[in-house]
Amino acid sequence: MPVVTVEMWDGRTVEQKKLLVEGITASFVKIGVPAEAVHIIIHDNPKHNWGSGGKLASETKMP
């Protein structure tokens, strides 16, 4: 039973998350894992809770 954790900035729509979950699941199915066995946890993080290069992501022009 694979468990995939996705850490990303908040702001994605439910439809975008659905597409992500479908794509990740499809990748596991291609290698023989039943879709029902794939579990995906999405952590939405505000940019002010994410730092890189000594700065908060909310302070940079990252997409």
C-alpha atoms as a PDB file:
ATOM      1  CA  MET A   1       0.000   0.000   0.000  1.00  0.00           C
ATOM      2  CA  PRO A   2       1.880   3.080  -1.199  1.00  0.00           C
ATOM      3  CA  VAL A   3       1.300   6.316   0.681  1.00  0.00           C
ATOM      4  CA  VAL A   4       2.324   9.467  -1.179  1.00  0.00           C
ATOM      5  CA  THR A   5       2.590  12.774   0.664  1.00  0.00           C
ATOM      6  CA  VAL A   6       2.491  15.943  -1.424  1.00  0.00           C
ATOM      7  CA  GLU A   7       3.697  19.177   0.172  1.00  0.00           C
ATOM      8  CA  MET A   8       2.753  22.249  -1.826  1.00  0.00           C
ATOM      9  CA  TRP A   9       1.686  25.838  -1.454  1.00  0.00           C
ATOM     10  CA  ASP A  10      -1.979  26.414  -0.890  1.00  0.00           C
ATOM     11  CA  GLY A  11      -4.087  27.934  -3.624  1.00  0.00           C
ATOM     12  CA  ARG A  12      -4.843  24.935  -5.862  1.00  0.00           C
ATOM     13  CA  THR A  13      -8.469  24.260  -6.660  1.00  0.00           C
ATOM     14  CA  VAL A  14     -10.218  21.018  -5.788  1.00  0.00           C
ATOM     15  CA  GLU A  15     -10.234  20.205  -9.519  1.00  0.00           C
ATOM     16  CA  GLN A  16      -6.448  20.645  -9.712  1.00  0.00           C
ATOM     17  CA  LYS A  17      -5.981  18.396  -6.685  1.00  0.00           C
ATOM     18  CA  LYS A  18      -8.274  15.810  -8.247  1.00  0.00           C
ATOM     19  CA  LEU A  19      -6.143  15.802 -11.409  1.00  0.00           C
ATOM     20  CA  LEU A  20      -2.989  15.440  -9.314  1.00  0.00           C
ATOM     21  CA  VAL A  21      -4.419  12.494  -7.374  1.00  0.00           C
ATOM     22  CA  GLU A  22      -5.578  10.828 -10.591  1.00  0.00           C
ATOM     23  CA  GLY A  23      -2.148  11.260 -12.192  1.00  0.00           C
ATOM     24  CA  ILE A  24      -0.201   9.937  -9.218  1.00  0.00           C
ATOM     25  CA  THR A  25      -2.554   6.970  -8.938  1.00  0.00           C
ATOM     26  CA  ALA A  26      -2.230   6.238 -12.664  1.00  0.00           C
ATOM     27  CA  SER A  27       1.563   6.120 -12.321  1.00  0.00           C
ATOM     28  CA  PHE A  28       1.305   3.438  -9.651  1.00  0.00           C
ATOM     29  CA  VAL A  29      -1.268   1.495 -11.669  1.00  0.00           C
ATOM     30  CA  LYS A  30       1.229   1.411 -14.580  1.00  0.00           C
ATOM     31  CA  ILE A  31       3.663  -0.506 -12.370  1.00  0.00           C
ATOM     32  CA  GLY A  32       1.053  -2.976 -11.207  1.00  0.00           C
ATOM     33  CA  VAL A  33      -0.298  -1.433  -8.014  1.00  0.00           C
ATOM     34  CA  PRO A  34      -4.104  -1.570  -7.722  1.00  0.00           C
ATOM     35  CA  ALA A  35      -5.631   1.916  -7.693  1.00  0.00           C
ATOM     36  CA  GLU A  36      -7.479   1.105  -4.452  1.00  0.00           C
ATOM     37  CA  ALA A  37      -4.145   0.536  -2.707  1.00  0.00           C
ATOM     38  CA  VAL A  38      -2.745   4.005  -3.475  1.00  0.00           C
ATOM     39  CA  HIS A  39      -3.221   6.620  -0.752  1.00  0.00           C
ATOM     40  CA  ILE A  40      -2.327  10.265  -1.309  1.00  0.00           C
ATOM     41  CA  ILE A  41      -2.132  12.936   1.358  1.00  0.00           C
ATOM     42  CA  ILE A  42      -1.977  16.555   0.245  1.00  0.00           C
ATOM     43  CA  HIS A  43      -0.616  19.148   2.650  1.00  0.00           C
ATOM     44  CA  ASP A  44      -1.462  22.690   1.595  1.00  0.00           C
ATOM     45  CA  ASN A  45       1.005  25.094   3.123  1.00  0.00           C
ATOM     46  CA  PRO A  46       0.650  28.862   3.142  1.00  0.00           C
ATOM     47  CA  LYS A  47       3.647  30.583   1.564  1.00  0.00           C
ATOM     48  CA  HIS A  48       4.413  32.273   4.893  1.00  0.00           C
ATOM     49  CA  ASN A  49       5.037  28.788   6.364  1.00  0.00           C
ATOM     50  CA  TRP A  50       7.592  27.854   3.683  1.00  0.00           C
ATOM     51  CA  GLY A  51      11.146  29.144   3.617  1.00  0.00           C
ATOM     52  CA  SER A  52      13.912  28.856   1.054  1.00  0.00           C
ATOM     53  CA  GLY A  53      17.249  30.582   0.798  1.00  0.00           C
ATOM     54  CA  GLY A  54      16.704  32.398   4.072  1.00  0.00           C
ATOM     55  CA  LYS A  55      13.447  34.002   2.972  1.00  0.00           C
ATOM     56  CA  LEU A  56       9.803  33.169   3.281  1.00  0.00           C
ATOM     57  CA  ALA A  57       8.166  32.120   0.030  1.00  0.00           C
ATOM     58  CA  SER A  58       5.593  34.856   0.660  1.00  0.00           C
ATOM     59  CA  GLU A  59       8.412  37.417   0.350  1.00  0.00           C
ATOM     60  CA  THR A  60       9.658  36.186  -3.037  1.00  0.00           C
ATOM     61  CA  LYS A  61       8.238  36.169  -6.551  1.00  0.00           C
ATOM     62  CA  MET A  62       8.127  32.393  -6.820  1.00  0.00           C
ATOM     63  CA  PRO A  63       5.123  31.034  -8.753  1.00  0.00           C
END
